[in-house]
Amino acid sequence: MDPEKAREISAESAARLQEGISLLLSRWSALQMAVENEWGGHDSQLKSHQLASDIFSWLTQSKEPLYIDDLENLLDEFMLSLNTEIADGSIEEIAEKLMIMLEECLEGNYKSIQILKETNPPMGAVPHIRQVIVAFV
């Protein structure tokens, strides 16, 4: 994101961005698998809602320039908090889609969010995702 560009977001754009973040995360197979199986504990669902809120805050309230690497780290650390290691490239894909979604919302363009609303979430197996078991000896 261009550090010189102001990130003033309208109320409508903010609401649409929140919706888009939730839609995108609800379609992220790795996250949904971790939540459904409670790999992060019984409050995994609550944690996933907090992730959406944290992403929204990071995208809209940061005073510093936004870098995709920082967003990828946020997503990776969150998934590790759910005892889930991601090696399928989905963290990078989700981060990129979130950054694009922010740029579009800043321009009043909600097309990618509308497309998410109109499509069904993918179903099926998720390769290269595993639960991390931490044992203390």
N, C-alpha and C. Protein backbone atom coordinates (compact mmCIF):
# COMPACT_ATOMS: atom_id res chain seq x y z
N MET A 1 0.84 -1.17 0.00
CA MET A 1 0.00 0.00 0.00
C MET A 1 0.88 1.23 0.00
N ASP A 2 0.53 2.22 -0.76
CA ASP A 2 1.30 3.45 -0.87
C ASP A 2 1.28 4.19 0.47
N PRO A 3 2.47 4.36 1.11
CA PRO A 3 2.50 5.00 2.42
C PRO A 3 2.05 6.45 2.39
N GLU A 4 2.15 7.10 1.23
CA GLU A 4 1.75 8.49 1.12
C GLU A 4 0.24 8.65 1.02
N LYS A 5 -0.44 7.59 0.65
CA LYS A 5 -1.88 7.65 0.42
C LYS A 5 -2.63 7.58 1.75
N ALA A 6 -3.49 8.53 1.97
CA ALA A 6 -4.28 8.54 3.21
C ALA A 6 -5.24 7.36 3.20
N ARG A 7 -5.44 6.78 4.39
CA ARG A 7 -6.34 5.64 4.49
C ARG A 7 -7.65 6.05 5.15
N GLU A 8 -8.19 7.15 4.72
CA GLU A 8 -9.49 7.58 5.23
C GLU A 8 -10.55 6.69 4.60
N ILE A 9 -11.29 6.01 5.44
CA ILE A 9 -12.28 5.07 4.93
C ILE A 9 -13.67 5.54 5.38
N SER A 10 -14.59 5.56 4.45
CA SER A 10 -15.96 5.99 4.75
C SER A 10 -16.66 4.94 5.60
N ALA A 11 -17.75 5.33 6.22
CA ALA A 11 -18.53 4.40 7.05
C ALA A 11 -19.02 3.22 6.21
N GLU A 12 -19.50 3.51 4.99
CA GLU A 12 -19.98 2.43 4.13
C GLU A 12 -18.84 1.50 3.75
N SER A 13 -17.69 2.07 3.39
CA SER A 13 -16.54 1.25 3.02
C SER A 13 -16.06 0.42 4.19
N ALA A 14 -16.08 0.99 5.39
CA ALA A 14 -15.66 0.26 6.58
C ALA A 14 -16.58 -0.94 6.81
N ALA A 15 -17.88 -0.72 6.69
CA ALA A 15 -18.84 -1.82 6.87
C ALA A 15 -18.64 -2.90 5.82
N ARG A 16 -18.43 -2.48 4.58
CA ARG A 16 -18.21 -3.45 3.50
C ARG A 16 -16.90 -4.21 3.71
N LEU A 17 -15.86 -3.50 4.16
CA LEU A 17 -14.58 -4.14 4.41
C LEU A 17 -14.72 -5.19 5.51
N GLN A 18 -15.42 -4.86 6.59
CA GLN A 18 -15.64 -5.84 7.66
C GLN A 18 -16.36 -7.07 7.12
N GLU A 19 -17.37 -6.84 6.30
CA GLU A 19 -18.10 -7.95 5.70
C GLU A 19 -17.18 -8.78 4.81
N GLY A 20 -16.36 -8.12 4.02
CA GLY A 20 -15.44 -8.81 3.13
C GLY A 20 -14.42 -9.65 3.88
N ILE A 21 -13.89 -9.10 4.97
CA ILE A 21 -12.93 -9.84 5.79
C ILE A 21 -13.59 -11.10 6.33
N SER A 22 -14.79 -10.97 6.87
CA SER A 22 -15.50 -12.13 7.41
C SER A 22 -15.80 -13.17 6.34
N LEU A 23 -16.23 -12.71 5.18
CA LEU A 23 -16.51 -13.64 4.07
C LEU A 23 -15.25 -14.38 3.65
N LEU A 24 -14.15 -13.64 3.50
CA LEU A 24 -12.90 -14.25 3.06
C LEU A 24 -12.41 -15.28 4.08
N LEU A 25 -12.45 -14.92 5.35
CA LEU A 25 -12.00 -15.85 6.38
C LEU A 25 -12.91 -17.07 6.47
N SER A 26 -14.20 -16.89 6.22
CA SER A 26 -15.13 -18.02 6.27
C SER A 26 -14.89 -19.00 5.13
N ARG A 27 -14.19 -18.56 4.11
CA ARG A 27 -13.88 -19.42 2.96
C ARG A 27 -12.44 -19.94 2.99
N TRP A 28 -11.69 -19.56 4.01
CA TRP A 28 -10.31 -20.03 4.14
C TRP A 28 -10.36 -21.42 4.77
N SER A 29 -10.15 -22.42 3.96
CA SER A 29 -10.30 -23.82 4.38
C SER A 29 -9.44 -24.16 5.59
N ALA A 30 -8.21 -23.70 5.61
CA ALA A 30 -7.31 -24.03 6.72
C ALA A 30 -7.84 -23.48 8.03
N LEU A 31 -8.31 -22.25 8.02
CA LEU A 31 -8.86 -21.65 9.24
C LEU A 31 -10.12 -22.39 9.67
N GLN A 32 -10.99 -22.67 8.73
CA GLN A 32 -12.24 -23.35 9.08
C GLN A 32 -11.99 -24.75 9.63
N MET A 33 -11.00 -25.45 9.08
CA MET A 33 -10.66 -26.78 9.58
C MET A 33 -10.16 -26.69 11.02
N ALA A 34 -9.30 -25.72 11.29
CA ALA A 34 -8.77 -25.54 12.65
C ALA A 34 -9.87 -25.18 13.63
N VAL A 35 -10.80 -24.33 13.21
CA VAL A 35 -11.90 -23.92 14.09
C VAL A 35 -12.86 -25.08 14.33
N GLU A 36 -13.27 -25.76 13.27
CA GLU A 36 -14.22 -26.87 13.40
C GLU A 36 -13.69 -27.99 14.28
N ASN A 37 -12.39 -28.23 14.20
CA ASN A 37 -11.78 -29.30 15.00
C ASN A 37 -11.26 -28.81 16.35
N GLU A 38 -11.48 -27.52 16.62
CA GLU A 38 -11.07 -26.89 17.88
C GLU A 38 -9.60 -27.13 18.19
N TRP A 39 -8.76 -27.00 17.17
CA TRP A 39 -7.33 -27.19 17.37
C TRP A 39 -6.74 -26.12 18.27
N GLY A 40 -7.41 -24.99 18.37
CA GLY A 40 -6.96 -23.92 19.25
C GLY A 40 -7.68 -23.92 20.58
N GLY A 41 -8.41 -24.98 20.87
CA GLY A 41 -9.17 -25.08 22.11
C GLY A 41 -10.65 -24.85 21.86
N HIS A 42 -11.41 -24.90 22.94
CA HIS A 42 -12.87 -24.76 22.83
C HIS A 42 -13.31 -23.39 22.36
N ASP A 43 -12.43 -22.41 22.50
CA ASP A 43 -12.78 -21.05 22.08
C ASP A 43 -12.21 -20.70 20.70
N SER A 44 -11.95 -21.72 19.89
CA SER A 44 -11.40 -21.49 18.54
C SER A 44 -12.30 -20.60 17.70
N GLN A 45 -13.60 -20.78 17.80
CA GLN A 45 -14.55 -19.96 17.03
C GLN A 45 -14.43 -18.50 17.45
N LEU A 46 -14.38 -18.26 18.75
CA LEU A 46 -14.24 -16.90 19.27
C LEU A 46 -12.93 -16.29 18.79
N LYS A 47 -11.87 -17.09 18.81
CA LYS A 47 -10.57 -16.61 18.33
C LYS A 47 -10.65 -16.20 16.86
N SER A 48 -11.38 -16.95 16.05
CA SER A 48 -11.47 -16.61 14.63
C SER A 48 -12.22 -15.30 14.43
N HIS A 49 -13.23 -15.04 15.26
CA HIS A 49 -13.94 -13.75 15.19
C HIS A 49 -13.01 -12.61 15.60
N GLN A 50 -12.18 -12.87 16.60
CA GLN A 50 -11.22 -11.85 17.04
C GLN A 50 -10.21 -11.57 15.93
N LEU A 51 -9.83 -12.62 15.18
CA LEU A 51 -8.91 -12.41 14.07
C LEU A 51 -9.49 -11.43 13.07
N ALA A 52 -10.76 -11.60 12.72
CA ALA A 52 -11.41 -10.69 11.77
C ALA A 52 -11.37 -9.26 12.29
N SER A 53 -11.63 -9.09 13.57
CA SER A 53 -11.60 -7.76 14.18
C SER A 53 -10.18 -7.19 14.18
N ASP A 54 -9.20 -8.02 14.49
CA ASP A 54 -7.80 -7.58 14.51
C ASP A 54 -7.34 -7.17 13.11
N ILE A 55 -7.73 -7.94 12.10
CA ILE A 55 -7.36 -7.61 10.72
C ILE A 55 -7.97 -6.27 10.33
N PHE A 56 -9.25 -6.08 10.64
CA PHE A 56 -9.92 -4.82 10.31
C PHE A 56 -9.19 -3.65 10.97
N SER A 57 -8.88 -3.78 12.24
CA SER A 57 -8.17 -2.71 12.95
C SER A 57 -6.81 -2.45 12.33
N TRP A 58 -6.09 -3.52 12.01
CA TRP A 58 -4.76 -3.36 11.42
C TRP A 58 -4.85 -2.64 10.08
N LEU A 59 -5.82 -3.02 9.27
CA LEU A 59 -5.96 -2.41 7.95
C LEU A 59 -6.41 -0.95 8.01
N THR A 60 -7.22 -0.60 8.98
CA THR A 60 -7.84 0.73 8.98
C THR A 60 -7.27 1.71 10.00
N GLN A 61 -6.61 1.22 11.03
CA GLN A 61 -6.19 2.13 12.09
C GLN A 61 -4.69 2.29 12.24
N SER A 62 -3.92 1.55 11.49
CA SER A 62 -2.47 1.66 11.58
C SER A 62 -2.01 3.02 11.08
N LYS A 63 -1.14 3.65 11.86
CA LYS A 63 -0.58 4.94 11.46
C LYS A 63 0.65 4.74 10.56
N GLU A 64 1.17 3.55 10.57
CA GLU A 64 2.34 3.21 9.77
C GLU A 64 1.91 2.68 8.40
N PRO A 65 2.83 2.71 7.43
CA PRO A 65 2.51 2.09 6.13
C PRO A 65 2.21 0.60 6.33
N LEU A 66 1.31 0.09 5.50
CA LEU A 66 0.94 -1.32 5.59
C LEU A 66 1.79 -2.14 4.62
N TYR A 67 2.37 -3.19 5.13
CA TYR A 67 3.16 -4.09 4.30
C TYR A 67 2.55 -5.48 4.36
N ILE A 68 2.46 -6.11 3.21
CA ILE A 68 1.83 -7.43 3.13
C ILE A 68 2.56 -8.45 3.99
N ASP A 69 3.88 -8.32 4.13
CA ASP A 69 4.64 -9.26 4.97
C ASP A 69 4.15 -9.21 6.41
N ASP A 70 3.82 -8.02 6.89
CA ASP A 70 3.31 -7.89 8.26
C ASP A 70 1.96 -8.58 8.41
N LEU A 71 1.12 -8.45 7.40
CA LEU A 71 -0.18 -9.11 7.43
C LEU A 71 -0.01 -10.63 7.37
N GLU A 72 0.91 -11.09 6.54
CA GLU A 72 1.19 -12.53 6.47
C GLU A 72 1.66 -13.04 7.83
N ASN A 73 2.52 -12.27 8.50
CA ASN A 73 3.00 -12.67 9.83
C ASN A 73 1.86 -12.72 10.84
N LEU A 74 0.96 -11.75 10.78
CA LEU A 74 -0.20 -11.73 11.67
C LEU A 74 -1.03 -13.00 11.46
N LEU A 75 -1.28 -13.35 10.20
CA LEU A 75 -2.07 -14.54 9.88
C LEU A 75 -1.35 -15.82 10.32
N ASP A 76 -0.05 -15.88 10.06
CA ASP A 76 0.72 -17.07 10.42
C ASP A 76 0.75 -17.26 11.94
N GLU A 77 1.00 -16.17 12.66
CA GLU A 77 1.03 -16.26 14.13
C GLU A 77 -0.34 -16.68 14.67
N PHE A 78 -1.40 -16.16 14.06
CA PHE A 78 -2.73 -16.55 14.52
C PHE A 78 -2.95 -18.04 14.30
N MET A 79 -2.60 -18.54 13.11
CA MET A 79 -2.81 -19.96 12.83
C MET A 79 -1.97 -20.83 13.77
N LEU A 80 -0.77 -20.37 14.10
CA LEU A 80 0.04 -21.12 15.06
C LEU A 80 -0.62 -21.12 16.44
N SER A 81 -1.34 -20.04 16.78
CA SER A 81 -2.06 -20.00 18.06
C SER A 81 -3.20 -21.03 18.07
N LEU A 82 -3.62 -21.46 16.89
CA LEU A 82 -4.61 -22.54 16.78
C LEU A 82 -3.93 -23.89 16.60
N ASN A 83 -2.62 -23.92 16.87
CA ASN A 83 -1.84 -25.15 16.72
C ASN A 83 -1.91 -25.69 15.30
N THR A 84 -1.89 -24.78 14.34
CA THR A 84 -2.03 -25.15 12.94
C THR A 84 -0.90 -24.55 12.13
N GLU A 85 -0.20 -25.40 11.42
CA GLU A 85 0.90 -24.96 10.56
C GLU A 85 0.41 -25.00 9.12
N ILE A 86 0.59 -23.90 8.42
CA ILE A 86 0.10 -23.77 7.04
C ILE A 86 1.29 -23.79 6.08
N ALA A 87 1.23 -24.69 5.10
CA ALA A 87 2.31 -24.80 4.11
C ALA A 87 1.75 -24.87 2.70
N ASP A 88 0.53 -24.37 2.51
CA ASP A 88 -0.11 -24.49 1.20
C ASP A 88 -0.16 -23.18 0.43
N GLY A 89 0.47 -22.14 0.96
CA GLY A 89 0.46 -20.84 0.28
C GLY A 89 -0.79 -20.02 0.54
N SER A 90 -1.70 -20.55 1.35
CA SER A 90 -2.97 -19.83 1.56
C SER A 90 -2.80 -18.58 2.40
N ILE A 91 -1.81 -18.55 3.29
CA ILE A 91 -1.60 -17.33 4.09
C ILE A 91 -1.27 -16.17 3.16
N GLU A 92 -0.37 -16.40 2.23
CA GLU A 92 0.01 -15.35 1.28
C GLU A 92 -1.17 -14.94 0.41
N GLU A 93 -1.95 -15.93 0.00
CA GLU A 93 -3.12 -15.66 -0.84
C GLU A 93 -4.16 -14.83 -0.09
N ILE A 94 -4.44 -15.19 1.15
CA ILE A 94 -5.41 -14.45 1.96
C ILE A 94 -4.91 -13.03 2.21
N ALA A 95 -3.64 -12.89 2.54
CA ALA A 95 -3.08 -11.56 2.80
C ALA A 95 -3.19 -10.68 1.56
N GLU A 96 -2.88 -11.23 0.41
CA GLU A 96 -2.97 -10.46 -0.84
C GLU A 96 -4.42 -10.03 -1.10
N LYS A 97 -5.34 -10.95 -0.93
CA LYS A 97 -6.75 -10.62 -1.16
C LYS A 97 -7.24 -9.55 -0.19
N LEU A 98 -6.78 -9.60 1.05
CA LEU A 98 -7.17 -8.59 2.03
C LEU A 98 -6.64 -7.21 1.66
N MET A 99 -5.39 -7.16 1.21
CA MET A 99 -4.80 -5.87 0.82
C MET A 99 -5.53 -5.29 -0.40
N ILE A 100 -5.86 -6.15 -1.35
CA ILE A 100 -6.60 -5.71 -2.53
C ILE A 100 -7.98 -5.22 -2.12
N MET A 101 -8.62 -5.96 -1.23
CA MET A 101 -9.95 -5.58 -0.75
C MET A 101 -9.92 -4.20 -0.09
N LEU A 102 -8.89 -3.94 0.70
CA LEU A 102 -8.75 -2.63 1.34
C LEU A 102 -8.63 -1.54 0.29
N GLU A 103 -7.75 -1.74 -0.67
CA GLU A 103 -7.55 -0.74 -1.73
C GLU A 103 -8.86 -0.47 -2.46
N GLU A 104 -9.57 -1.53 -2.79
CA GLU A 104 -10.85 -1.37 -3.49
C GLU A 104 -11.86 -0.60 -2.64
N CYS A 105 -11.94 -0.94 -1.36
CA CYS A 105 -12.89 -0.24 -0.48
C CYS A 105 -12.53 1.24 -0.35
N LEU A 106 -11.26 1.55 -0.30
CA LEU A 106 -10.84 2.95 -0.23
C LEU A 106 -11.28 3.71 -1.47
N GLU A 107 -11.41 3.00 -2.59
CA GLU A 107 -11.85 3.61 -3.85
C GLU A 107 -13.36 3.52 -4.03
N GLY A 108 -14.07 2.94 -3.06
CA GLY A 108 -15.52 2.78 -3.18
C GLY A 108 -15.91 1.65 -4.12
N ASN A 109 -14.99 0.74 -4.37
CA ASN A 109 -15.22 -0.40 -5.26
C ASN A 109 -15.42 -1.65 -4.40
N TYR A 110 -16.59 -2.24 -4.47
CA TYR A 110 -16.90 -3.40 -3.63
C TYR A 110 -17.10 -4.67 -4.45
N LYS A 111 -16.56 -4.68 -5.65
CA LYS A 111 -16.78 -5.80 -6.57
C LYS A 111 -16.28 -7.13 -6.01
N SER A 112 -15.06 -7.16 -5.46
CA SER A 112 -14.53 -8.43 -4.95
C SER A 112 -15.36 -8.95 -3.78
N ILE A 113 -15.90 -8.05 -2.98
CA ILE A 113 -16.76 -8.46 -1.86
C ILE A 113 -18.08 -9.00 -2.39
N GLN A 114 -18.62 -8.35 -3.41
CA GLN A 114 -19.86 -8.82 -4.02
C GLN A 114 -19.68 -10.21 -4.63
N ILE A 115 -18.53 -10.42 -5.26
CA ILE A 115 -18.24 -11.74 -5.84
C ILE A 115 -18.19 -12.80 -4.74
N LEU A 116 -17.55 -12.47 -3.61
CA LEU A 116 -17.51 -13.41 -2.48
C LEU A 116 -18.92 -13.73 -1.99
N LYS A 117 -19.77 -12.72 -1.92
CA LYS A 117 -21.14 -12.93 -1.45
C LYS A 117 -21.92 -13.84 -2.39
N GLU A 118 -21.61 -13.77 -3.68
CA GLU A 118 -22.37 -14.52 -4.68
C GLU A 118 -21.85 -15.93 -4.91
N THR A 119 -20.69 -16.25 -4.39
CA THR A 119 -20.12 -17.58 -4.61
C THR A 119 -20.22 -18.42 -3.35
N ASN A 120 -20.35 -19.70 -3.56
CA ASN A 120 -20.39 -20.63 -2.44
C ASN A 120 -18.97 -20.95 -2.00
N PRO A 121 -18.78 -21.19 -0.72
CA PRO A 121 -17.44 -21.55 -0.26
C PRO A 121 -17.01 -22.90 -0.83
N PRO A 122 -15.72 -23.05 -1.13
CA PRO A 122 -15.24 -24.33 -1.67
C PRO A 122 -15.31 -25.43 -0.62
N MET A 123 -15.55 -26.62 -1.08
CA MET A 123 -15.59 -27.78 -0.18
C MET A 123 -14.50 -28.75 -0.62
N GLY A 124 -14.07 -29.59 0.29
CA GLY A 124 -13.13 -30.62 -0.09
C GLY A 124 -11.92 -30.66 0.81
N ALA A 125 -11.02 -31.55 0.46
CA ALA A 125 -9.82 -31.76 1.26
C ALA A 125 -8.88 -30.57 1.14
N VAL A 126 -8.12 -30.38 2.20
CA VAL A 126 -7.15 -29.29 2.23
C VAL A 126 -5.76 -29.90 2.38
N PRO A 127 -4.93 -29.81 1.33
CA PRO A 127 -3.59 -30.38 1.42
C PRO A 127 -2.63 -29.49 2.19
N HIS A 128 -1.60 -30.08 2.74
CA HIS A 128 -0.49 -29.36 3.35
C HIS A 128 -0.88 -28.54 4.57
N ILE A 129 -1.81 -29.04 5.33
CA ILE A 129 -2.19 -28.38 6.58
C ILE A 129 -2.12 -29.44 7.66
N ARG A 130 -1.48 -29.12 8.75
CA ARG A 130 -1.41 -30.11 9.81
C ARG A 130 -1.51 -29.43 11.16
N GLN A 131 -2.02 -30.18 12.08
CA GLN A 131 -2.11 -29.69 13.44
C GLN A 131 -0.74 -29.86 14.08
N VAL A 132 -0.33 -28.88 14.83
CA VAL A 132 0.94 -28.94 15.53
C VAL A 132 0.66 -29.37 16.96
N ILE A 133 1.27 -30.46 17.36
CA ILE A 133 1.11 -30.96 18.72
C ILE A 133 2.36 -30.56 19.50
N VAL A 134 2.15 -29.83 20.57
CA VAL A 134 3.26 -29.41 21.41
C VAL A 134 3.22 -30.26 22.67
N ALA A 135 4.30 -31.00 22.89
CA ALA A 135 4.38 -31.85 24.07
C ALA A 135 5.48 -31.32 24.98
N PHE A 136 5.19 -31.24 26.23
CA PHE A 136 6.18 -30.81 27.21
C PHE A 136 6.67 -32.04 27.95
N VAL A 137 7.97 -32.24 27.91
CA VAL A 137 8.55 -33.44 28.53
C VAL A 137 9.32 -33.05 29.75
